[in-house]
Amino acid sequence: MNTTAAMAALEQAVAQQVMIGGDDPGIEAATRAVLAAIEPAMKQIALDLAQQAALEVGAQLSDHEVEVVLADGEPALRIRPTEDDGGEITAGDYEARLTLRLPEVLKDLVEENAGQSGDSVNTWVVKTLSSKARKRTERGGKVTGSFEL
């Protein structure tokens, strides 16, 4: 994310508004002071927006971890596949039974997908449910303290 460009655009927009006031040196000095005063808050807002974006992207990519990192002083999203925390399920791991009533169309889709992957229907369903039902750790906590962007 290029927060430097966003800050420059904000400064340009403020400068254009100041020009309406004429060439008053007092107004120009006050404008520079205000921009300098709000710069840290604007950088924090940019970081907060990056964090919100990471949370939204992470919610849509349930099989990936999304986090905000600083790259060359700019916030960036790092996206990587979630590591498998349960390992492969073996035949000895099957201890529970679940009976489902499915529409015929869905049953056909499950059988078709299982066949395409070379798995039995049971194995395909277990793999699919395992990848979707895995508990995710909560991401996106607030950073306390301060740092220079």
Protein backbone atom coordinates (compact mmCIF):
# COMPACT_ATOMS: atom_id res chain seq x y z
CA MET A 1 0.00 0.00 0.00
CA ASN A 2 1.34 3.37 -0.90
CA THR A 3 0.45 5.61 2.04
CA THR A 4 3.02 8.18 0.91
CA ALA A 5 0.99 8.82 -2.25
CA ALA A 6 -2.22 9.11 -0.21
CA MET A 7 -0.58 11.64 2.12
CA ALA A 8 0.68 13.64 -0.86
CA ALA A 9 -2.84 13.66 -2.34
CA LEU A 10 -4.24 14.93 0.96
CA GLU A 11 -1.62 17.68 1.13
CA GLN A 12 -2.40 18.67 -2.46
CA ALA A 13 -6.14 18.83 -1.73
CA VAL A 14 -5.55 20.98 1.35
CA ALA A 15 -3.16 23.23 -0.61
CA GLN A 16 -5.81 23.79 -3.26
CA GLN A 17 -8.30 24.80 -0.59
CA VAL A 18 -5.78 27.18 0.98
CA MET A 19 -5.24 28.91 -2.38
CA ILE A 20 -8.86 30.06 -2.15
CA GLY A 21 -7.77 32.21 0.81
CA GLY A 22 -5.24 34.06 -1.34
CA ASP A 23 -1.55 34.49 -0.72
CA ASP A 24 -1.85 35.05 3.02
CA PRO A 25 1.42 33.82 4.64
CA GLY A 26 -0.36 33.30 7.96
CA ILE A 27 -2.88 30.91 6.41
CA GLU A 28 -0.11 29.03 4.60
CA ALA A 29 1.92 28.68 7.82
CA ALA A 30 -1.16 27.51 9.74
CA THR A 31 -1.90 24.97 7.01
CA ARG A 32 1.65 23.55 7.18
CA ALA A 33 1.36 23.33 10.97
CA VAL A 34 -1.99 21.50 10.77
CA LEU A 35 -0.66 19.05 8.15
CA ALA A 36 2.41 18.33 10.28
CA ALA A 37 0.19 17.82 13.34
CA ILE A 38 -2.17 15.36 11.65
CA GLU A 39 0.49 13.34 9.80
CA PRO A 40 0.99 10.75 12.60
CA ALA A 41 -2.78 10.32 12.94
CA MET A 42 -3.13 9.85 9.18
CA LYS A 43 -0.40 7.20 9.20
CA GLN A 44 -2.20 5.39 12.03
CA ILE A 45 -5.45 5.57 10.08
CA ALA A 46 -3.70 4.05 7.05
CA LEU A 47 -2.39 1.23 9.25
CA ASP A 48 -5.87 0.69 10.73
CA LEU A 49 -7.36 0.53 7.23
CA ALA A 50 -4.74 -2.04 6.23
CA GLN A 51 -5.67 -4.07 9.32
CA GLN A 52 -9.37 -3.89 8.40
CA ALA A 53 -8.53 -5.00 4.86
CA ALA A 54 -6.54 -7.95 6.27
CA LEU A 55 -9.51 -9.00 8.42
CA GLU A 56 -11.94 -8.80 5.49
CA VAL A 57 -9.64 -10.67 3.12
CA GLY A 58 -8.92 -13.26 5.81
CA ALA A 59 -12.65 -13.80 6.36
CA GLN A 60 -13.08 -14.52 2.65
CA LEU A 61 -10.02 -16.77 2.41
CA SER A 62 -10.69 -19.19 5.25
CA ASP A 63 -7.82 -21.45 4.21
CA HIS A 64 -5.25 -18.62 4.30
CA GLU A 65 -3.66 -16.44 6.96
CA VAL A 66 -3.70 -12.72 6.24
CA GLU A 67 -1.62 -10.29 8.24
CA VAL A 68 -0.34 -6.74 7.96
CA VAL A 69 3.42 -6.34 7.76
CA LEU A 70 5.58 -3.29 7.19
CA ALA A 71 7.60 -3.38 3.98
CA ASP A 72 9.92 -0.42 3.43
CA GLY A 73 7.91 1.55 5.97
CA GLU A 74 4.59 0.90 4.21
CA PRO A 75 1.86 -1.47 5.40
CA ALA A 76 1.39 -4.51 3.18
CA LEU A 77 -0.80 -7.61 3.36
CA ARG A 78 0.95 -10.97 3.61
CA ILE A 79 -1.25 -13.86 2.53
CA ARG A 80 -0.16 -17.46 2.94
CA PRO A 81 -1.94 -20.79 3.14
CA THR A 82 -2.96 -21.93 6.61
CA GLU A 83 -0.74 -24.71 7.83
CA ASP A 84 -2.56 -27.99 8.31
CA ASP A 85 -2.86 -28.40 12.05
CA GLY A 86 -4.42 -31.87 12.14
CA GLY A 87 -2.25 -33.88 9.80
CA GLU A 88 -3.64 -36.56 7.54
CA ILE A 89 -6.65 -38.48 8.75
CA THR A 90 -6.10 -42.24 8.75
CA ALA A 91 -8.60 -45.08 8.74
CA GLY A 92 -8.06 -45.57 12.48
CA ASP A 93 -9.21 -42.01 13.14
CA TYR A 94 -12.82 -42.73 12.14
CA GLU A 95 -14.66 -43.01 15.46
CA ALA A 96 -17.95 -41.22 14.77
CA ARG A 97 -20.76 -41.69 12.31
CA LEU A 98 -22.98 -39.00 10.82
CA THR A 99 -26.06 -39.68 8.71
CA LEU A 100 -27.09 -36.94 6.29
CA ARG A 101 -30.12 -36.48 4.11
CA LEU A 102 -29.04 -34.70 0.94
CA PRO A 103 -30.81 -33.58 -2.17
CA GLU A 104 -30.05 -36.00 -5.00
CA VAL A 105 -28.28 -33.23 -6.93
CA LEU A 106 -25.89 -32.55 -4.03
CA LYS A 107 -25.23 -36.26 -3.56
CA ASP A 108 -24.34 -36.51 -7.26
CA LEU A 109 -21.97 -33.54 -6.94
CA VAL A 110 -20.25 -35.08 -3.92
CA GLU A 111 -19.81 -38.39 -5.74
CA GLU A 112 -18.52 -36.61 -8.84
CA ASN A 113 -15.97 -34.56 -6.89
CA ALA A 114 -14.84 -37.59 -4.93
CA GLY A 115 -14.33 -39.51 -8.18
CA GLN A 116 -12.37 -36.65 -9.74
CA SER A 117 -10.04 -36.51 -6.77
CA GLY A 118 -9.61 -40.30 -6.67
CA ASP A 119 -11.11 -40.56 -3.17
CA SER A 120 -14.02 -42.49 -1.81
CA VAL A 121 -17.08 -40.40 -0.99
CA ASN A 122 -16.36 -40.82 2.72
CA THR A 123 -12.71 -39.75 2.38
CA TRP A 124 -13.61 -36.78 0.16
CA VAL A 125 -16.30 -35.58 2.62
CA VAL A 126 -13.93 -35.95 5.60
CA LYS A 127 -11.15 -34.03 3.80
CA THR A 128 -13.54 -31.29 2.69
CA LEU A 129 -15.11 -30.90 6.12
CA SER A 130 -11.70 -30.97 7.81
CA SER A 131 -10.39 -28.14 5.65
CA LYS A 132 -13.50 -26.00 6.23
CA ALA A 133 -14.22 -26.77 9.88
CA ARG A 134 -10.72 -26.15 11.20
CA LYS A 135 -10.75 -23.60 14.02
CA ARG A 136 -8.94 -20.43 13.12
CA THR A 137 -7.01 -18.40 15.62
CA GLU A 138 -8.22 -14.85 16.03
CA ARG A 139 -6.15 -12.42 14.01
CA GLY A 140 -6.14 -8.69 13.91
CA GLY A 141 -5.51 -7.60 17.46
CA LYS A 142 -4.54 -4.01 18.04
CA VAL A 143 -0.88 -3.11 18.24
CA THR A 144 -0.06 -1.20 21.38
CA GLY A 145 2.84 1.19 21.56
CA SER A 146 4.11 3.35 18.78
CA PHE A 147 6.42 3.04 15.85
CA GLU A 148 7.48 5.21 12.95
CA LEU A 149 5.96 4.45 9.56
